[in-house]
Amino acid sequence: MTEDTGAEPDPAVGLLRLLPALRRALIRATRAVEALPSLPEAQVAVLRTLVETGPLTPAQLAGELHLARPTVSNLVREMAAAGLVERRPSPVDKRSVLLEPTARGRYVRETFTRGRAEVLARAFAEIPATDRKRLTGALSALQRLLARVEAAADAVDDAERKHA
């Protein structure tokens, strides 16, 4: 049991708890509203990346998603079996394959993207106007926070590359 000191909660801890919960709830609601298959978030990320970037090799996809290659291989195997992605021989290097979303994969991605925006817009409209105004005002601050976190990650990545 922790003692209540009366101190304000740490906003960083509050964000760390809130953002993943909001993301999971949004995904769950979107899947339900749009009758989408229950894809793991990693598979949604694969579809999003392949639709946005175009065909990638498994190594390129792993780099884009910051995942290990065996993890990407497992994801792609499951997604290919479900008809969401396909492997095609690379026209440049016949030993390599390119990963592309199938028509079904594109449909799932587009439906999820559209549905997520609609679910969030509906929920946003249902909260009090003062909360909507606060959230709208906080967007630029959250973007600056994101930039700082990304800069910290980039600095670590740069340092690791220098020492590799």
N, C-alpha and C. Protein backbone atom coordinates (compact mmCIF):
# COMPACT_ATOMS: atom_id res chain seq x y z
N MET A 1 0.85 -1.18 0.00
CA MET A 1 0.00 0.00 0.00
C MET A 1 0.88 1.23 0.00
N THR A 2 0.57 2.17 -0.88
CA THR A 2 1.37 3.38 -0.94
C THR A 2 0.69 4.50 -0.18
N GLU A 3 1.48 5.35 0.37
CA GLU A 3 0.97 6.46 1.14
C GLU A 3 0.63 7.61 0.20
N ASP A 4 -0.52 8.22 0.40
CA ASP A 4 -0.92 9.37 -0.39
C ASP A 4 -0.28 10.60 0.24
N THR A 5 0.67 11.20 -0.47
CA THR A 5 1.39 12.35 0.06
C THR A 5 0.69 13.66 -0.28
N GLY A 6 -0.36 13.58 -1.08
CA GLY A 6 -1.05 14.78 -1.48
C GLY A 6 -0.37 15.49 -2.64
N ALA A 7 0.76 14.97 -3.08
CA ALA A 7 1.49 15.58 -4.19
C ALA A 7 0.76 15.31 -5.50
N GLU A 8 0.91 16.23 -6.43
CA GLU A 8 0.33 16.06 -7.75
C GLU A 8 0.99 14.86 -8.43
N PRO A 9 0.22 14.07 -9.17
CA PRO A 9 0.83 12.94 -9.88
C PRO A 9 1.81 13.44 -10.95
N ASP A 10 2.83 12.65 -11.20
CA ASP A 10 3.84 12.97 -12.20
C ASP A 10 3.17 12.93 -13.59
N PRO A 11 3.19 14.04 -14.33
CA PRO A 11 2.52 14.05 -15.65
C PRO A 11 3.15 13.06 -16.63
N ALA A 12 4.45 12.82 -16.52
CA ALA A 12 5.09 11.86 -17.42
C ALA A 12 4.52 10.46 -17.17
N VAL A 13 4.36 10.10 -15.91
CA VAL A 13 3.78 8.79 -15.58
C VAL A 13 2.34 8.73 -16.06
N GLY A 14 1.61 9.82 -15.89
CA GLY A 14 0.23 9.87 -16.36
C GLY A 14 0.14 9.65 -17.87
N LEU A 15 1.02 10.29 -18.62
CA LEU A 15 1.04 10.09 -20.08
C LEU A 15 1.41 8.66 -20.44
N LEU A 16 2.40 8.12 -19.73
CA LEU A 16 2.83 6.74 -20.00
C LEU A 16 1.71 5.74 -19.78
N ARG A 17 0.84 6.02 -18.84
CA ARG A 17 -0.30 5.13 -18.59
C ARG A 17 -1.45 5.39 -19.57
N LEU A 18 -1.68 6.65 -19.86
CA LEU A 18 -2.84 7.02 -20.65
C LEU A 18 -2.69 6.70 -22.15
N LEU A 19 -1.56 7.04 -22.73
CA LEU A 19 -1.43 6.91 -24.19
C LEU A 19 -1.59 5.48 -24.69
N PRO A 20 -0.92 4.50 -24.09
CA PRO A 20 -1.14 3.12 -24.59
C PRO A 20 -2.58 2.65 -24.37
N ALA A 21 -3.18 3.04 -23.25
CA ALA A 21 -4.56 2.65 -22.99
C ALA A 21 -5.50 3.28 -24.02
N LEU A 22 -5.27 4.54 -24.35
CA LEU A 22 -6.08 5.22 -25.37
C LEU A 22 -5.91 4.53 -26.72
N ARG A 23 -4.68 4.21 -27.07
CA ARG A 23 -4.40 3.54 -28.35
C ARG A 23 -5.10 2.18 -28.42
N ARG A 24 -4.99 1.38 -27.35
CA ARG A 24 -5.63 0.06 -27.34
C ARG A 24 -7.15 0.19 -27.44
N ALA A 25 -7.73 1.13 -26.69
CA ALA A 25 -9.18 1.31 -26.73
C ALA A 25 -9.63 1.76 -28.12
N LEU A 26 -8.86 2.63 -28.74
CA LEU A 26 -9.20 3.11 -30.08
C LEU A 26 -9.13 1.97 -31.09
N ILE A 27 -8.12 1.13 -30.99
CA ILE A 27 -8.00 -0.02 -31.89
C ILE A 27 -9.17 -0.97 -31.67
N ARG A 28 -9.47 -1.28 -30.41
CA ARG A 28 -10.56 -2.19 -30.08
C ARG A 28 -11.89 -1.66 -30.61
N ALA A 29 -12.16 -0.37 -30.38
CA ALA A 29 -13.42 0.22 -30.84
C ALA A 29 -13.49 0.23 -32.37
N THR A 30 -12.40 0.54 -33.03
CA THR A 30 -12.39 0.57 -34.50
C THR A 30 -12.65 -0.81 -35.06
N ARG A 31 -11.99 -1.82 -34.51
CA ARG A 31 -12.22 -3.19 -34.99
C ARG A 31 -13.69 -3.57 -34.84
N ALA A 32 -14.28 -3.21 -33.70
CA ALA A 32 -15.68 -3.57 -33.45
C ALA A 32 -16.61 -2.83 -34.41
N VAL A 33 -16.44 -1.51 -34.55
CA VAL A 33 -17.32 -0.70 -35.38
C VAL A 33 -17.21 -1.11 -36.85
N GLU A 34 -16.01 -1.38 -37.31
CA GLU A 34 -15.79 -1.70 -38.73
C GLU A 34 -15.81 -3.20 -39.03
N ALA A 35 -16.05 -4.03 -38.01
CA ALA A 35 -16.06 -5.50 -38.17
C ALA A 35 -14.77 -5.99 -38.83
N LEU A 36 -13.64 -5.48 -38.33
CA LEU A 36 -12.34 -5.86 -38.87
C LEU A 36 -11.79 -7.08 -38.13
N PRO A 37 -10.90 -7.82 -38.80
CA PRO A 37 -10.28 -8.93 -38.10
C PRO A 37 -9.44 -8.43 -36.94
N SER A 38 -9.28 -9.25 -35.95
CA SER A 38 -8.53 -8.87 -34.76
C SER A 38 -7.04 -9.05 -35.01
N LEU A 39 -6.45 -8.09 -35.70
CA LEU A 39 -5.02 -8.15 -36.01
C LEU A 39 -4.22 -7.59 -34.85
N PRO A 40 -3.10 -8.24 -34.54
CA PRO A 40 -2.21 -7.65 -33.55
C PRO A 40 -1.70 -6.29 -34.06
N GLU A 41 -1.38 -5.41 -33.12
CA GLU A 41 -0.91 -4.07 -33.49
C GLU A 41 0.31 -4.14 -34.41
N ALA A 42 1.17 -5.13 -34.22
CA ALA A 42 2.36 -5.24 -35.07
C ALA A 42 1.96 -5.50 -36.53
N GLN A 43 0.91 -6.28 -36.75
CA GLN A 43 0.47 -6.53 -38.12
C GLN A 43 -0.15 -5.28 -38.73
N VAL A 44 -0.86 -4.52 -37.93
CA VAL A 44 -1.40 -3.24 -38.41
C VAL A 44 -0.24 -2.33 -38.82
N ALA A 45 0.83 -2.33 -38.02
CA ALA A 45 2.01 -1.51 -38.34
C ALA A 45 2.67 -1.97 -39.63
N VAL A 46 2.72 -3.27 -39.87
CA VAL A 46 3.28 -3.79 -41.13
C VAL A 46 2.45 -3.29 -42.31
N LEU A 47 1.13 -3.42 -42.21
CA LEU A 47 0.27 -2.95 -43.31
C LEU A 47 0.43 -1.45 -43.53
N ARG A 48 0.42 -0.69 -42.45
CA ARG A 48 0.57 0.77 -42.57
C ARG A 48 1.88 1.11 -43.28
N THR A 49 2.95 0.48 -42.87
CA THR A 49 4.27 0.77 -43.45
C THR A 49 4.33 0.40 -44.92
N LEU A 50 3.84 -0.79 -45.27
CA LEU A 50 3.90 -1.22 -46.67
C LEU A 50 3.00 -0.38 -47.57
N VAL A 51 1.85 0.03 -47.07
CA VAL A 51 0.96 0.88 -47.88
C VAL A 51 1.60 2.25 -48.07
N GLU A 52 2.21 2.80 -47.01
CA GLU A 52 2.78 4.15 -47.09
C GLU A 52 4.10 4.19 -47.88
N THR A 53 4.93 3.15 -47.77
CA THR A 53 6.25 3.20 -48.40
C THR A 53 6.31 2.48 -49.72
N GLY A 54 5.41 1.54 -49.94
CA GLY A 54 5.52 0.68 -51.11
C GLY A 54 6.30 -0.57 -50.73
N PRO A 55 6.56 -1.44 -51.71
CA PRO A 55 7.22 -2.71 -51.43
C PRO A 55 8.57 -2.53 -50.73
N LEU A 56 8.83 -3.42 -49.76
CA LEU A 56 10.09 -3.41 -49.02
C LEU A 56 10.60 -4.83 -48.89
N THR A 57 11.90 -4.96 -48.75
CA THR A 57 12.47 -6.27 -48.40
C THR A 57 12.17 -6.51 -46.92
N PRO A 58 12.25 -7.75 -46.47
CA PRO A 58 12.06 -8.01 -45.04
C PRO A 58 13.04 -7.22 -44.17
N ALA A 59 14.29 -7.08 -44.61
CA ALA A 59 15.27 -6.32 -43.84
C ALA A 59 14.88 -4.84 -43.76
N GLN A 60 14.43 -4.28 -44.88
CA GLN A 60 14.00 -2.88 -44.88
C GLN A 60 12.79 -2.68 -43.96
N LEU A 61 11.85 -3.61 -44.02
CA LEU A 61 10.67 -3.52 -43.17
C LEU A 61 11.07 -3.60 -41.70
N ALA A 62 11.98 -4.50 -41.38
CA ALA A 62 12.45 -4.61 -39.99
C ALA A 62 13.08 -3.29 -39.54
N GLY A 63 13.84 -2.67 -40.42
CA GLY A 63 14.45 -1.38 -40.08
C GLY A 63 13.42 -0.29 -39.89
N GLU A 64 12.42 -0.24 -40.76
CA GLU A 64 11.36 0.77 -40.65
C GLU A 64 10.59 0.64 -39.34
N LEU A 65 10.36 -0.61 -38.92
CA LEU A 65 9.54 -0.86 -37.73
C LEU A 65 10.38 -0.99 -36.46
N HIS A 66 11.69 -0.95 -36.60
CA HIS A 66 12.60 -1.14 -35.46
C HIS A 66 12.33 -2.48 -34.78
N LEU A 67 12.21 -3.53 -35.61
CA LEU A 67 11.99 -4.87 -35.12
C LEU A 67 13.11 -5.79 -35.60
N ALA A 68 13.31 -6.89 -34.90
CA ALA A 68 14.29 -7.88 -35.32
C ALA A 68 13.78 -8.61 -36.56
N ARG A 69 14.70 -9.02 -37.42
CA ARG A 69 14.29 -9.71 -38.65
C ARG A 69 13.48 -10.97 -38.39
N PRO A 70 13.85 -11.80 -37.38
CA PRO A 70 13.01 -12.98 -37.13
C PRO A 70 11.57 -12.61 -36.74
N THR A 71 11.40 -11.51 -36.04
CA THR A 71 10.06 -11.05 -35.69
C THR A 71 9.28 -10.69 -36.94
N VAL A 72 9.93 -9.97 -37.86
CA VAL A 72 9.29 -9.60 -39.11
C VAL A 72 8.97 -10.85 -39.93
N SER A 73 9.86 -11.81 -39.95
CA SER A 73 9.61 -13.06 -40.68
C SER A 73 8.36 -13.76 -40.16
N ASN A 74 8.23 -13.81 -38.84
CA ASN A 74 7.05 -14.45 -38.24
C ASN A 74 5.77 -13.68 -38.59
N LEU A 75 5.84 -12.35 -38.50
CA LEU A 75 4.68 -11.53 -38.84
C LEU A 75 4.27 -11.74 -40.29
N VAL A 76 5.25 -11.70 -41.19
CA VAL A 76 4.97 -11.84 -42.62
C VAL A 76 4.41 -13.22 -42.93
N ARG A 77 4.94 -14.25 -42.29
CA ARG A 77 4.43 -15.61 -42.52
C ARG A 77 2.94 -15.68 -42.14
N GLU A 78 2.59 -15.15 -40.97
CA GLU A 78 1.20 -15.16 -40.52
C GLU A 78 0.31 -14.32 -41.44
N MET A 79 0.82 -13.15 -41.85
CA MET A 79 0.03 -12.25 -42.68
C MET A 79 -0.14 -12.79 -44.09
N ALA A 80 0.86 -13.47 -44.61
CA ALA A 80 0.75 -14.08 -45.94
C ALA A 80 -0.30 -15.20 -45.89
N ALA A 81 -0.29 -15.99 -44.82
CA ALA A 81 -1.28 -17.07 -44.68
C ALA A 81 -2.70 -16.50 -44.59
N ALA A 82 -2.83 -15.30 -44.02
CA ALA A 82 -4.14 -14.66 -43.89
C ALA A 82 -4.53 -13.87 -45.14
N GLY A 83 -3.65 -13.84 -46.14
CA GLY A 83 -3.95 -13.12 -47.38
C GLY A 83 -3.81 -11.61 -47.28
N LEU A 84 -2.99 -11.13 -46.34
CA LEU A 84 -2.82 -9.69 -46.15
C LEU A 84 -1.59 -9.14 -46.85
N VAL A 85 -0.54 -9.93 -46.97
CA VAL A 85 0.68 -9.52 -47.68
C VAL A 85 1.12 -10.65 -48.59
N GLU A 86 1.91 -10.27 -49.59
CA GLU A 86 2.48 -11.28 -50.47
C GLU A 86 3.95 -11.00 -50.68
N ARG A 87 4.67 -12.06 -50.97
CA ARG A 87 6.09 -11.97 -51.27
C ARG A 87 6.25 -12.07 -52.78
N ARG A 88 7.05 -11.15 -53.34
CA ARG A 88 7.33 -11.18 -54.78
C ARG A 88 8.84 -11.14 -54.98
N PRO A 89 9.33 -11.81 -56.00
CA PRO A 89 10.77 -11.73 -56.27
C PRO A 89 11.18 -10.30 -56.58
N SER A 90 12.31 -9.90 -56.08
CA SER A 90 12.83 -8.57 -56.35
C SER A 90 13.31 -8.50 -57.80
N PRO A 91 12.92 -7.48 -58.54
CA PRO A 91 13.40 -7.36 -59.92
C PRO A 91 14.89 -7.02 -59.98
N VAL A 92 15.44 -6.50 -58.89
CA VAL A 92 16.84 -6.10 -58.85
C VAL A 92 17.74 -7.27 -58.43
N ASP A 93 17.32 -7.99 -57.39
CA ASP A 93 18.12 -9.08 -56.84
C ASP A 93 17.20 -10.30 -56.72
N LYS A 94 17.35 -11.25 -57.63
CA LYS A 94 16.46 -12.40 -57.69
C LYS A 94 16.53 -13.28 -56.43
N ARG A 95 17.57 -13.09 -55.60
CA ARG A 95 17.66 -13.86 -54.35
C ARG A 95 16.81 -13.25 -53.25
N SER A 96 16.36 -12.04 -53.44
CA SER A 96 15.62 -11.32 -52.43
C SER A 96 14.14 -11.24 -52.80
N VAL A 97 13.30 -10.99 -51.79
CA VAL A 97 11.88 -10.81 -52.04
C VAL A 97 11.45 -9.42 -51.59
N LEU A 98 10.39 -8.95 -52.20
CA LEU A 98 9.75 -7.71 -51.78
C LEU A 98 8.40 -8.07 -51.17
N LEU A 99 8.06 -7.36 -50.12
CA LEU A 99 6.79 -7.57 -49.45
C LEU A 99 5.83 -6.47 -49.88
N GLU A 100 4.60 -6.88 -50.21
CA GLU A 100 3.57 -5.93 -50.62
C GLU A 100 2.26 -6.30 -49.98
N PRO A 101 1.43 -5.31 -49.66
CA PRO A 101 0.10 -5.64 -49.18
C PRO A 101 -0.75 -6.16 -50.33
N THR A 102 -1.59 -7.13 -50.05
CA THR A 102 -2.54 -7.62 -51.05
C THR A 102 -3.71 -6.64 -51.12
N ALA A 103 -4.62 -6.88 -52.04
CA ALA A 103 -5.82 -6.04 -52.12
C ALA A 103 -6.59 -6.13 -50.79
N ARG A 104 -6.66 -7.32 -50.22
CA ARG A 104 -7.34 -7.48 -48.93
C ARG A 104 -6.60 -6.71 -47.84
N GLY A 105 -5.27 -6.78 -47.85
CA GLY A 105 -4.47 -6.04 -46.87
C GLY A 105 -4.69 -4.54 -46.98
N ARG A 106 -4.74 -4.04 -48.21
CA ARG A 106 -5.00 -2.61 -48.42
C ARG A 106 -6.40 -2.23 -47.92
N TYR A 107 -7.36 -3.08 -48.20
CA TYR A 107 -8.73 -2.82 -47.74
C TYR A 107 -8.79 -2.75 -46.21
N VAL A 108 -8.16 -3.71 -45.55
CA VAL A 108 -8.15 -3.73 -44.08
C VAL A 108 -7.49 -2.46 -43.56
N ARG A 109 -6.36 -2.09 -44.15
CA ARG A 109 -5.64 -0.88 -43.71
C ARG A 109 -6.49 0.37 -43.91
N GLU A 110 -7.07 0.52 -45.10
CA GLU A 110 -7.88 1.71 -45.39
C GLU A 110 -9.12 1.78 -44.50
N THR A 111 -9.76 0.64 -44.30
CA THR A 111 -10.95 0.59 -43.45
C THR A 111 -10.57 0.93 -42.01
N PHE A 112 -9.46 0.39 -41.56
CA PHE A 112 -9.01 0.68 -40.20
C PHE A 112 -8.69 2.17 -40.04
N THR A 113 -7.98 2.75 -41.00
CA THR A 113 -7.60 4.16 -40.92
C THR A 113 -8.84 5.05 -40.91
N ARG A 114 -9.75 4.80 -41.81
CA ARG A 114 -10.98 5.59 -41.87
C ARG A 114 -11.81 5.39 -40.61
N GLY A 115 -11.98 4.15 -40.21
CA GLY A 115 -12.79 3.85 -39.04
C GLY A 115 -12.22 4.43 -37.77
N ARG A 116 -10.91 4.38 -37.62
CA ARG A 116 -10.25 4.94 -36.42
C ARG A 116 -10.52 6.44 -36.33
N ALA A 117 -10.41 7.14 -37.47
CA ALA A 117 -10.66 8.58 -37.48
C ALA A 117 -12.12 8.87 -37.10
N GLU A 118 -13.05 8.05 -37.61
CA GLU A 118 -14.46 8.26 -37.30
C GLU A 118 -14.76 7.98 -35.83
N VAL A 119 -14.19 6.91 -35.28
CA VAL A 119 -14.41 6.58 -33.87
C VAL A 119 -13.88 7.70 -32.99
N LEU A 120 -12.69 8.19 -33.29
CA LEU A 120 -12.09 9.24 -32.48
C LEU A 120 -12.88 10.55 -32.62
N ALA A 121 -13.31 10.88 -33.83
CA ALA A 121 -14.08 12.11 -34.03
C ALA A 121 -15.40 12.05 -33.27
N ARG A 122 -16.05 10.89 -33.27
CA ARG A 122 -17.31 10.74 -32.53
C ARG A 122 -17.08 10.91 -31.03
N ALA A 123 -16.05 10.25 -30.52
CA ALA A 123 -15.76 10.36 -29.08
C ALA A 123 -15.39 11.79 -28.72
N PHE A 124 -14.60 12.43 -29.57
CA PHE A 124 -14.19 13.82 -29.34
C PHE A 124 -15.42 14.73 -29.27
N ALA A 125 -16.38 14.50 -30.16
CA ALA A 125 -17.60 15.32 -30.20
C ALA A 125 -18.46 15.11 -28.96
N GLU A 126 -18.32 13.98 -28.31
CA GLU A 126 -19.17 13.66 -27.16
C GLU A 126 -18.63 14.18 -25.83
N ILE A 127 -17.40 14.65 -25.80
CA ILE A 127 -16.87 15.17 -24.53
C ILE A 127 -17.22 16.66 -24.42
N PRO A 128 -17.17 17.22 -23.23
CA PRO A 128 -17.54 18.63 -23.07
C PRO A 128 -16.66 19.56 -23.92
N ALA A 129 -17.26 20.67 -24.33
CA ALA A 129 -16.56 21.64 -25.18
C ALA A 129 -15.27 22.13 -24.54
N THR A 130 -15.27 22.29 -23.22
CA THR A 130 -14.04 22.76 -22.56
C THR A 130 -12.92 21.74 -22.70
N ASP A 131 -13.26 20.45 -22.63
CA ASP A 131 -12.25 19.40 -22.83
C ASP A 131 -11.75 19.37 -24.27
N ARG A 132 -12.67 19.56 -25.22
CA ARG A 132 -12.26 19.60 -26.63
C ARG A 132 -11.29 20.74 -26.86
N LYS A 133 -11.58 21.89 -26.27
CA LYS A 133 -10.70 23.06 -26.42
C LYS A 133 -9.33 22.79 -25.80
N ARG A 134 -9.31 22.18 -24.62
CA ARG A 134 -8.03 21.86 -23.96
C ARG A 134 -7.21 20.87 -24.80
N LEU A 135 -7.88 19.85 -25.30
CA LEU A 135 -7.17 18.86 -26.12
C LEU A 135 -6.62 19.48 -27.40
N THR A 136 -7.41 20.32 -28.03
CA THR A 136 -6.96 21.00 -29.24
C THR A 136 -5.76 21.89 -28.93
N GLY A 137 -5.81 22.59 -27.83
CA GLY A 137 -4.70 23.45 -27.44
C GLY A 137 -3.45 22.66 -27.08
N ALA A 138 -3.62 21.43 -26.61
CA ALA A 138 -2.47 20.61 -26.21
C ALA A 138 -1.76 19.95 -27.39
N LEU A 139 -2.38 19.95 -28.56
CA LEU A 139 -1.77 19.24 -29.70
C LEU A 139 -0.38 19.76 -30.05
N SER A 140 -0.19 21.06 -30.10
CA SER A 140 1.13 21.59 -30.45
C SER A 140 2.15 21.25 -29.37
N ALA A 141 1.74 21.28 -28.11
CA ALA A 141 2.66 20.91 -27.03
C ALA A 141 3.03 19.43 -27.13
N LEU A 142 2.08 18.58 -27.46
CA LEU A 142 2.36 17.16 -27.63
C LEU A 142 3.29 16.92 -28.82
N GLN A 143 3.14 17.70 -29.89
CA GLN A 143 4.04 17.57 -31.03
C GLN A 143 5.46 17.96 -30.64
N ARG A 144 5.61 19.00 -29.83
CA ARG A 144 6.95 19.39 -29.36
C ARG A 144 7.53 18.31 -28.46
N LEU A 145 6.69 17.72 -27.62
CA LEU A 145 7.15 16.63 -26.75
C LEU A 145 7.61 15.45 -27.59
N LEU A 146 6.85 15.11 -28.62
CA LEU A 146 7.23 14.03 -29.52
C LEU A 146 8.58 14.32 -30.17
N ALA A 147 8.78 15.52 -30.63
CA ALA A 147 10.05 15.89 -31.27
C ALA A 147 11.21 15.71 -30.31
N ARG A 148 11.04 16.06 -29.04
CA ARG A 148 12.11 15.91 -28.04
C ARG A 148 12.41 14.43 -27.79
N VAL A 149 11.37 13.61 -27.68
CA VAL A 149 11.57 12.18 -27.45
C VAL A 149 12.25 11.54 -28.66
N GLU A 150 11.82 11.92 -29.87
CA GLU A 150 12.46 11.39 -31.08
C GLU A 150 13.91 11.83 -31.16
N ALA A 151 14.21 13.07 -30.78
CA ALA A 151 15.60 13.56 -30.79
C ALA A 151 16.45 12.76 -29.81
N ALA A 152 15.89 12.43 -28.66
CA ALA A 152 16.64 11.62 -27.69
C ALA A 152 16.92 10.23 -28.26
N ALA A 153 15.93 9.63 -28.91
CA ALA A 153 16.13 8.31 -29.52
C ALA A 153 17.16 8.38 -30.64
N ASP A 154 17.09 9.42 -31.46
CA ASP A 154 18.06 9.58 -32.55
C ASP A 154 19.48 9.75 -32.01
N ALA A 155 19.62 10.47 -30.91
CA ALA A 155 20.95 10.67 -30.31
C ALA A 155 21.53 9.34 -29.84
N VAL A 156 20.70 8.51 -29.25
CA VAL A 156 21.16 7.19 -28.80
C VAL A 156 21.53 6.34 -30.01
N ASP A 157 20.68 6.35 -31.05
CA ASP A 157 20.98 5.59 -32.27
C ASP A 157 22.29 6.04 -32.89
N ASP A 158 22.51 7.35 -32.95
CA ASP A 158 23.76 7.89 -33.51
C ASP A 158 24.97 7.44 -32.70
N ALA A 159 24.85 7.48 -31.39
CA ALA A 159 25.95 7.08 -30.51
C ALA A 159 26.25 5.59 -30.68
N GLU A 160 25.21 4.77 -30.82
CA GLU A 160 25.41 3.34 -31.00
C GLU A 160 26.09 3.05 -32.35
N ARG A 161 25.72 3.79 -33.40
CA ARG A 161 26.35 3.60 -34.71
C ARG A 161 27.83 3.98 -34.67
N LYS A 162 28.16 5.01 -33.93
CA LYS A 162 29.57 5.44 -33.82
C LYS A 162 30.42 4.41 -33.11
N HIS A 163 29.82 3.72 -32.16
CA HIS A 163 30.57 2.73 -31.38
C HIS A 163 30.51 1.34 -31.97
N ALA A 164 29.75 1.16 -33.04
CA ALA A 164 29.60 -0.17 -33.65
C ALA A 164 30.77 -0.50 -34.55
